[in-house]
PDB file of N, CA and C in Angstrom:
ATOM      1  N   MET A   1      58.623  22.387 -18.874  1.00  0.00           N
ATOM      2  CA  MET A   1      58.133  21.211 -19.572  1.00  0.00           C
ATOM      3  C   MET A   1      58.114  21.525 -21.059  1.00  0.00           C
ATOM      4  N   LEU A   2      58.530  20.575 -21.809  1.00  0.00           N
ATOM      5  CA  LEU A   2      58.537  20.678 -23.260  1.00  0.00           C
ATOM      6  C   LEU A   2      57.595  19.599 -23.786  1.00  0.00           C
ATOM      7  N   ARG A   3      56.675  19.980 -24.647  1.00  0.00           N
ATOM      8  CA  ARG A   3      55.736  19.004 -25.207  1.00  0.00           C
ATOM      9  C   ARG A   3      55.681  19.210 -26.703  1.00  0.00           C
ATOM     10  N   LYS A   4      55.803  18.124 -27.426  1.00  0.00           N
ATOM     11  CA  LYS A   4      55.769  18.199 -28.874  1.00  0.00           C
ATOM     12  C   LYS A   4      55.051  16.967 -29.415  1.00  0.00           C
ATOM     13  N   VAL A   5      54.087  17.176 -30.272  1.00  0.00           N
ATOM     14  CA  VAL A   5      53.371  16.076 -30.922  1.00  0.00           C
ATOM     15  C   VAL A   5      53.930  15.960 -32.327  1.00  0.00           C
ATOM     16  N   ILE A   6      54.357  14.750 -32.684  1.00  0.00           N
ATOM     17  CA  ILE A   6      54.943  14.530 -34.013  1.00  0.00           C
ATOM     18  C   ILE A   6      54.300  13.309 -34.660  1.00  0.00           C
ATOM     19  N   LYS A   7      54.464  13.198 -35.950  1.00  0.00           N
ATOM     20  CA  LYS A   7      54.029  12.024 -36.693  1.00  0.00           C
ATOM     21  C   LYS A   7      55.252  11.529 -37.455  1.00  0.00           C
ATOM     22  N   PRO A   8      55.984  10.565 -36.878  1.00  0.00           N
ATOM     23  CA  PRO A   8      57.218  10.105 -37.511  1.00  0.00           C
ATOM     24  C   PRO A   8      56.942   9.377 -38.820  1.00  0.00           C
ATOM     25  N   ASP A   9      57.881   9.503 -39.748  1.00  0.00           N
ATOM     26  CA  ASP A   9      57.748   8.798 -41.020  1.00  0.00           C
ATOM     27  C   ASP A   9      58.645   7.562 -41.079  1.00  0.00           C
ATOM     28  N   ASN A  10      59.350   7.297 -39.981  1.00  0.00           N
ATOM     29  CA  ASN A  10      60.120   6.059 -39.858  1.00  0.00           C
ATOM     30  C   ASN A  10      60.262   5.732 -38.371  1.00  0.00           C
ATOM     31  N   ARG A  11      61.099   4.767 -38.030  1.00  0.00           N
ATOM     32  CA  ARG A  11      61.200   4.306 -36.651  1.00  0.00           C
ATOM     33  C   ARG A  11      62.114   5.166 -35.789  1.00  0.00           C
ATOM     34  N   ASN A  12      62.765   6.142 -36.347  1.00  0.00           N
ATOM     35  CA  ASN A  12      63.680   6.996 -35.602  1.00  0.00           C
ATOM     36  C   ASN A  12      63.098   8.394 -35.451  1.00  0.00           C
ATOM     37  N   ILE A  13      63.240   8.949 -34.255  1.00  0.00           N
ATOM     38  CA  ILE A  13      62.834  10.333 -34.043  1.00  0.00           C
ATOM     39  C   ILE A  13      63.982  11.083 -33.386  1.00  0.00           C
ATOM     40  N   SER A  14      63.989  12.369 -33.557  1.00  0.00           N
ATOM     41  CA  SER A  14      65.006  13.224 -32.973  1.00  0.00           C
ATOM     42  C   SER A  14      64.322  14.469 -32.445  1.00  0.00           C
ATOM     43  N   ILE A  15      64.731  14.905 -31.260  1.00  0.00           N
ATOM     44  CA  ILE A  15      64.162  16.134 -30.709  1.00  0.00           C
ATOM     45  C   ILE A  15      65.301  17.078 -30.351  1.00  0.00           C
ATOM     46  N   GLU A  16      65.037  18.346 -30.480  1.00  0.00           N
ATOM     47  CA  GLU A  16      66.003  19.360 -30.108  1.00  0.00           C
ATOM     48  C   GLU A  16      65.559  19.951 -28.778  1.00  0.00           C
ATOM     49  N   LEU A  17      66.450  19.919 -27.797  1.00  0.00           N
ATOM     50  CA  LEU A  17      66.125  20.384 -26.456  1.00  0.00           C
ATOM     51  C   LEU A  17      66.649  21.790 -26.221  1.00  0.00           C
ATOM     52  N   PRO A  18      65.988  22.531 -25.351  1.00  0.00           N
ATOM     53  CA  PRO A  18      66.499  23.849 -24.975  1.00  0.00           C
ATOM     54  C   PRO A  18      67.858  23.707 -24.271  1.00  0.00           C
ATOM     55  N   GLN A  19      68.665  24.729 -24.309  1.00  0.00           N
ATOM     56  CA  GLN A  19      70.001  24.695 -23.724  1.00  0.00           C
ATOM     57  C   GLN A  19      69.969  24.337 -22.238  1.00  0.00           C
ATOM     58  N   ASN A  20      68.955  24.819 -21.502  1.00  0.00           N
ATOM     59  CA  ASN A  20      68.911  24.544 -20.067  1.00  0.00           C
ATOM     60  C   ASN A  20      68.595  23.087 -19.729  1.00  0.00           C
ATOM     61  N   PHE A  21      68.281  22.259 -20.720  1.00  0.00           N
ATOM     62  CA  PHE A  21      68.065  20.828 -20.511  1.00  0.00           C
ATOM     63  C   PHE A  21      69.383  20.055 -20.579  1.00  0.00           C
ATOM     64  N   VAL A  22      70.395  20.623 -21.196  1.00  0.00           N
ATOM     65  CA  VAL A  22      71.674  19.936 -21.397  1.00  0.00           C
ATOM     66  C   VAL A  22      72.310  19.637 -20.043  1.00  0.00           C
ATOM     67  N   GLY A  23      72.721  18.378 -19.852  1.00  0.00           N
ATOM     68  CA  GLY A  23      73.365  17.962 -18.618  1.00  0.00           C
ATOM     69  C   GLY A  23      72.412  17.598 -17.496  1.00  0.00           C
ATOM     70  N   ARG A  24      71.115  17.680 -17.748  1.00  0.00           N
ATOM     71  CA  ARG A  24      70.124  17.350 -16.728  1.00  0.00           C
ATOM     72  C   ARG A  24      69.389  16.079 -17.128  1.00  0.00           C
ATOM     73  N   GLN A  25      68.787  15.402 -16.141  1.00  0.00           N
ATOM     74  CA  GLN A  25      67.981  14.230 -16.442  1.00  0.00           C
ATOM     75  C   GLN A  25      66.707  14.680 -17.138  1.00  0.00           C
ATOM     76  N   VAL A  26      66.384  14.014 -18.234  1.00  0.00           N
ATOM     77  CA  VAL A  26      65.187  14.339 -19.001  1.00  0.00           C
ATOM     78  C   VAL A  26      64.412  13.043 -19.224  1.00  0.00           C
ATOM     79  N   GLU A  27      63.123  13.072 -18.970  1.00  0.00           N
ATOM     80  CA  GLU A  27      62.274  11.914 -19.224  1.00  0.00           C
ATOM     81  C   GLU A  27      61.562  12.127 -20.542  1.00  0.00           C
ATOM     82  N   VAL A  28      61.654  11.144 -21.427  1.00  0.00           N
ATOM     83  CA  VAL A  28      61.008  11.222 -22.730  1.00  0.00           C
ATOM     84  C   VAL A  28      59.949  10.124 -22.787  1.00  0.00           C
ATOM     85  N   LEU A  29      58.718  10.510 -23.062  1.00  0.00           N
ATOM     86  CA  LEU A  29      57.619   9.557 -23.183  1.00  0.00           C
ATOM     87  C   LEU A  29      57.185   9.486 -24.636  1.00  0.00           C
ATOM     88  N   ALA A  30      56.926   8.302 -25.117  1.00  0.00           N
ATOM     89  CA  ALA A  30      56.430   8.149 -26.476  1.00  0.00           C
ATOM     90  C   ALA A  30      55.205   7.237 -26.435  1.00  0.00           C
ATOM     91  N   PHE A  31      54.105   7.719 -26.942  1.00  0.00           N
ATOM     92  CA  PHE A  31      52.883   6.931 -27.001  1.00  0.00           C
ATOM     93  C   PHE A  31      52.044   7.425 -28.164  1.00  0.00           C
ATOM     94  N   THR A  32      51.163   6.586 -28.630  1.00  0.00           N
ATOM     95  CA  THR A  32      50.289   6.992 -29.723  1.00  0.00           C
ATOM     96  C   THR A  32      49.041   7.652 -29.145  1.00  0.00           C
ATOM     97  N   ILE A  33      48.529   8.594 -29.867  1.00  0.00           N
ATOM     98  CA  ILE A  33      47.305   9.272 -29.456  1.00  0.00           C
ATOM     99  C   ILE A  33      46.135   8.550 -30.107  1.00  0.00           C
ATOM    100  N   ASP A  34      45.274   8.028 -29.275  1.00  0.00           N
ATOM    101  CA  ASP A  34      44.115   7.283 -29.752  1.00  0.00           C
ATOM    102  C   ASP A  34      43.131   8.252 -30.396  1.00  0.00           C
ATOM    103  N   ASP A  35      42.799   8.011 -31.649  1.00  0.00           N
ATOM    104  CA  ASP A  35      41.889   8.911 -32.370  1.00  0.00           C
ATOM    105  C   ASP A  35      40.538   9.066 -31.688  1.00  0.00           C
ATOM    106  N   THR A  36      40.064   8.019 -31.019  1.00  0.00           N
ATOM    107  CA  THR A  36      38.750   8.105 -30.382  1.00  0.00           C
ATOM    108  C   THR A  36      38.795   8.923 -29.099  1.00  0.00           C
ATOM    109  N   LEU A  37      39.956   9.030 -28.472  1.00  0.00           N
ATOM    110  CA  LEU A  37      40.067   9.795 -27.235  1.00  0.00           C
ATOM    111  C   LEU A  37      40.039  11.287 -27.506  1.00  0.00           C
ATOM    112  N   GLY A  38      40.665  11.715 -28.569  1.00  0.00           N
ATOM    113  CA  GLY A  38      40.720  13.134 -28.885  1.00  0.00           C
ATOM    114  C   GLY A  38      41.869  13.815 -28.175  1.00  0.00           C
ATOM    115  N   THR A  39      42.474  14.756 -28.823  1.00  0.00           N
ATOM    116  CA  THR A  39      43.653  15.419 -28.286  1.00  0.00           C
ATOM    117  C   THR A  39      43.344  16.227 -27.033  1.00  0.00           C
ATOM    118  N   SER A  40      42.240  16.949 -26.995  1.00  0.00           N
ATOM    119  CA  SER A  40      41.963  17.803 -25.834  1.00  0.00           C
ATOM    120  C   SER A  40      41.766  16.990 -24.562  1.00  0.00           C
ATOM    121  N   ALA A  41      41.105  15.848 -24.642  1.00  0.00           N
ATOM    122  CA  ALA A  41      40.921  15.002 -23.467  1.00  0.00           C
ATOM    123  C   ALA A  41      42.258  14.454 -23.001  1.00  0.00           C
ATOM    124  N   LEU A  42      43.115  14.081 -23.919  1.00  0.00           N
ATOM    125  CA  LEU A  42      44.433  13.575 -23.575  1.00  0.00           C
ATOM    126  C   LEU A  42      45.273  14.670 -22.939  1.00  0.00           C
ATOM    127  N   GLU A  43      45.237  15.871 -23.488  1.00  0.00           N
ATOM    128  CA  GLU A  43      45.986  16.994 -22.924  1.00  0.00           C
ATOM    129  C   GLU A  43      45.538  17.273 -21.495  1.00  0.00           C
ATOM    130  N   ASP A  44      44.235  17.231 -21.240  1.00  0.00           N
ATOM    131  CA  ASP A  44      43.717  17.464 -19.893  1.00  0.00           C
ATOM    132  C   ASP A  44      44.304  16.468 -18.904  1.00  0.00           C
ATOM    133  N   LYS A  45      44.351  15.191 -19.283  1.00  0.00           N
ATOM    134  CA  LYS A  45      44.884  14.161 -18.395  1.00  0.00           C
ATOM    135  C   LYS A  45      46.371  14.383 -18.135  1.00  0.00           C
ATOM    136  N   ILE A  46      47.124  14.701 -19.173  1.00  0.00           N
ATOM    137  CA  ILE A  46      48.562  14.904 -19.022  1.00  0.00           C
ATOM    138  C   ILE A  46      48.843  16.107 -18.135  1.00  0.00           C
ATOM    139  N   PHE A  47      48.191  17.229 -18.408  1.00  0.00           N
ATOM    140  CA  PHE A  47      48.444  18.433 -17.630  1.00  0.00           C
ATOM    141  C   PHE A  47      47.958  18.284 -16.194  1.00  0.00           C
ATOM    142  N   THR A  48      46.868  17.580 -15.977  1.00  0.00           N
ATOM    143  CA  THR A  48      46.392  17.332 -14.615  1.00  0.00           C
ATOM    144  C   THR A  48      47.415  16.518 -13.847  1.00  0.00           C
ATOM    145  N   HIS A  49      47.997  15.516 -14.503  1.00  0.00           N
ATOM    146  CA  HIS A  49      49.025  14.683 -13.868  1.00  0.00           C
ATOM    147  C   HIS A  49      50.198  15.540 -13.416  1.00  0.00           C
ATOM    148  N   PHE A  50      50.741  16.346 -14.310  1.00  0.00           N
ATOM    149  CA  PHE A  50      51.901  17.151 -13.979  1.00  0.00           C
ATOM    150  C   PHE A  50      51.559  18.246 -12.969  1.00  0.00           C
ATOM    151  N   ALA A  51      50.398  18.838 -13.069  1.00  0.00           N
ATOM    152  CA  ALA A  51      49.997  19.886 -12.133  1.00  0.00           C
ATOM    153  C   ALA A  51      49.783  19.320 -10.734  1.00  0.00           C
ATOM    154  N   SER A  52      49.291  18.101 -10.635  1.00  0.00           N
ATOM    155  CA  SER A  52      48.993  17.494  -9.342  1.00  0.00           C
ATOM    156  C   SER A  52      50.239  16.979  -8.641  1.00  0.00           C
ATOM    157  N   GLU A  53      51.225  16.556  -9.391  1.00  0.00           N
ATOM    158  CA  GLU A  53      52.390  15.888  -8.809  1.00  0.00           C
ATOM    159  C   GLU A  53      53.072  16.736  -7.731  1.00  0.00           C
ATOM    160  N   LYS A  54      53.368  17.975  -8.010  1.00  0.00           N
ATOM    161  CA  LYS A  54      54.066  18.832  -7.050  1.00  0.00           C
ATOM    162  C   LYS A  54      53.184  19.102  -5.827  1.00  0.00           C
ATOM    163  N   SER A  55      51.925  19.352  -6.059  1.00  0.00           N
ATOM    164  CA  SER A  55      51.006  19.632  -4.960  1.00  0.00           C
ATOM    165  C   SER A  55      50.851  18.420  -4.041  1.00  0.00           C
ATOM    166  N   LEU A  56      50.680  17.242  -4.632  1.00  0.00           N
ATOM    167  CA  LEU A  56      50.511  16.038  -3.832  1.00  0.00           C
ATOM    168  C   LEU A  56      51.784  15.650  -3.093  1.00  0.00           C
ATOM    169  N   SER A  57      52.940  15.929  -3.681  1.00  0.00           N
ATOM    170  CA  SER A  57      54.196  15.560  -3.039  1.00  0.00           C
ATOM    171  C   SER A  57      54.382  16.280  -1.709  1.00  0.00           C
ATOM    172  N   LYS A  58      53.780  17.460  -1.545  1.00  0.00           N
ATOM    173  CA  LYS A  58      53.869  18.181  -0.275  1.00  0.00           C
ATOM    174  C   LYS A  58      53.242  17.367   0.857  1.00  0.00           C
ATOM    175  N   ASP A  59      52.160  16.652   0.551  1.00  0.00           N
ATOM    176  CA  ASP A  59      51.504  15.818   1.554  1.00  0.00           C
ATOM    177  C   ASP A  59      52.179  14.457   1.682  1.00  0.00           C
ATOM    178  N   TRP A  60      52.682  13.927   0.590  1.00  0.00           N
ATOM    179  CA  TRP A  60      53.222  12.571   0.590  1.00  0.00           C
ATOM    180  C   TRP A  60      54.657  12.487   1.080  1.00  0.00           C
ATOM    181  N   LEU A  61      55.442  13.489   0.833  1.00  0.00           N
ATOM    182  CA  LEU A  61      56.863  13.432   1.168  1.00  0.00           C
ATOM    183  C   LEU A  61      57.128  14.080   2.519  1.00  0.00           C
ATOM    184  N   THR A  62      56.509  13.513   3.553  1.00  0.00           N
ATOM    185  CA  THR A  62      56.695  14.026   4.908  1.00  0.00           C
ATOM    186  C   THR A  62      57.093  12.883   5.830  1.00  0.00           C
ATOM    187  N   THR A  63      57.711  13.227   6.933  1.00  0.00           N
ATOM    188  CA  THR A  63      58.095  12.231   7.937  1.00  0.00           C
ATOM    189  C   THR A  63      56.860  11.554   8.507  1.00  0.00           C
ATOM    190  N   GLU A  64      55.815  12.344   8.748  1.00  0.00           N
ATOM    191  CA  GLU A  64      54.572  11.773   9.274  1.00  0.00           C
ATOM    192  C   GLU A  64      53.980  10.744   8.315  1.00  0.00           C
ATOM    193  N   GLU A  65      53.979  11.046   7.040  1.00  0.00           N
ATOM    194  CA  GLU A  65      53.441  10.113   6.040  1.00  0.00           C
ATOM    195  C   GLU A  65      54.281   8.837   5.999  1.00  0.00           C
ATOM    196  N   ASP A  66      55.592   8.959   6.065  1.00  0.00           N
ATOM    197  CA  ASP A  66      56.470   7.780   6.098  1.00  0.00           C
ATOM    198  C   ASP A  66      56.162   6.909   7.312  1.00  0.00           C
ATOM    199  N   ARG A  67      55.948   7.542   8.456  1.00  0.00           N
ATOM    200  CA  ARG A  67      55.645   6.797   9.693  1.00  0.00           C
ATOM    201  C   ARG A  67      54.326   6.027   9.545  1.00  0.00           C
ATOM    202  N   VAL A  68      53.324   6.652   8.979  1.00  0.00           N
ATOM    203  CA  VAL A  68      52.011   6.017   8.826  1.00  0.00           C
ATOM    204  C   VAL A  68      52.090   4.790   7.915  1.00  0.00           C
ATOM    205  N   TRP A  69      52.900   4.864   6.873  1.00  0.00           N
ATOM    206  CA  TRP A  69      52.958   3.789   5.881  1.00  0.00           C
ATOM    207  C   TRP A  69      54.068   2.763   6.147  1.00  0.00           C
ATOM    208  N   GLN A  70      54.836   2.913   7.215  1.00  0.00           N
ATOM    209  CA  GLN A  70      56.017   2.064   7.423  1.00  0.00           C
ATOM    210  C   GLN A  70      55.693   0.590   7.585  1.00  0.00           C
ATOM    211  N   ASP A  71      54.505   0.225   8.037  1.00  0.00           N
ATOM    212  CA  ASP A  71      54.158  -1.181   8.286  1.00  0.00           C
ATOM    213  C   ASP A  71      53.549  -1.863   7.056  1.00  0.00           C
ATOM    214  N   LEU A  72      53.383  -1.153   5.996  1.00  0.00           N
ATOM    215  CA  LEU A  72      52.757  -1.762   4.807  1.00  0.00           C
ATOM    216  C   LEU A  72      53.788  -2.359   3.881  1.00  0.00           C
TER     217      LEU A  72
END
Protein backbone atom coordinates (compact mmCIF):
# COMPACT_ATOMS: atom_id res chain seq x y z
CA MET A 1 0.00 0.00 0.00
CA LEU A 2 1.21 3.44 -0.87
CA ARG A 3 -0.18 6.43 1.02
CA LYS A 4 0.68 10.03 0.41
CA VAL A 5 -0.95 13.19 1.76
CA ILE A 6 -0.54 16.21 -0.50
CA LYS A 7 -1.82 19.76 -0.72
CA PRO A 8 -2.26 20.53 -4.43
CA ASP A 9 -1.75 24.06 -5.66
CA ASN A 10 -3.96 23.52 -8.72
CA ARG A 11 -6.53 21.05 -10.06
CA ASN A 12 -3.96 18.56 -11.38
CA ILE A 13 -1.98 16.10 -9.32
CA SER A 14 0.67 13.58 -10.28
CA ILE A 15 1.99 10.64 -8.31
CA GLU A 16 5.03 8.49 -8.88
CA LEU A 17 4.40 4.79 -8.34
CA PRO A 18 6.87 2.08 -7.39
CA GLN A 19 8.04 -0.12 -10.28
CA ASN A 20 6.06 -3.13 -9.00
CA PHE A 21 2.81 -1.16 -9.51
CA VAL A 22 3.40 -0.81 -13.27
CA GLY A 23 0.99 -2.94 -15.29
CA ARG A 24 -1.23 -3.72 -12.31
CA GLN A 25 -4.63 -2.35 -11.34
CA VAL A 26 -4.23 0.52 -8.90
CA GLU A 27 -7.03 2.26 -7.01
CA VAL A 28 -6.50 5.95 -6.36
CA LEU A 29 -8.68 7.71 -3.79
CA ALA A 30 -8.83 11.47 -3.43
CA PHE A 31 -10.63 13.16 -0.57
CA THR A 32 -10.15 16.16 1.66
CA ILE A 33 -9.11 15.71 5.25
CA ASP A 34 -11.59 17.41 7.54
CA ASP A 35 -9.69 19.65 9.95
CA THR A 36 -12.09 18.83 12.79
CA LEU A 37 -11.60 15.08 12.39
CA GLY A 38 -7.84 15.18 12.78
CA THR A 39 -5.31 13.15 10.86
CA SER A 40 -4.75 10.42 13.46
CA ALA A 41 -8.46 9.55 13.68
CA LEU A 42 -8.68 9.42 9.90
CA GLU A 43 -5.57 7.22 9.66
CA ASP A 44 -7.08 4.80 12.20
CA LYS A 45 -10.24 4.43 10.11
CA ILE A 46 -8.32 3.92 6.86
CA PHE A 47 -5.89 1.38 8.29
CA THR A 48 -8.68 -0.49 10.09
CA HIS A 49 -10.56 -0.74 6.79
CA PHE A 50 -7.59 -2.19 4.92
CA ALA A 51 -6.53 -4.46 7.79
CA SER A 52 -10.06 -5.87 8.15
CA GLU A 53 -10.73 -6.49 4.47
CA LYS A 54 -8.47 -9.53 4.05
CA SER A 55 -9.51 -11.05 7.36
CA LEU A 56 -13.22 -10.63 6.70
CA SER A 57 -12.95 -11.96 3.15
CA LYS A 58 -11.95 -15.36 4.58
CA ASP A 59 -15.42 -15.62 6.15
CA TRP A 60 -17.34 -13.91 3.35
CA LEU A 61 -15.83 -15.54 0.28
CA THR A 62 -16.95 -19.10 0.96
CA THR A 63 -19.39 -21.47 -0.71
CA GLU A 64 -21.33 -21.74 2.54
CA GLU A 65 -21.70 -17.96 2.77
CA ASP A 66 -22.91 -17.80 -0.86
CA ARG A 67 -25.50 -20.50 -0.12
CA VAL A 68 -26.81 -18.64 2.95
CA TRP A 69 -27.23 -15.35 1.05
CA GLN A 70 -28.53 -16.76 -2.27
CA ASP A 71 -32.20 -15.93 -1.56
CA LEU A 72 -31.62 -12.27 -0.74
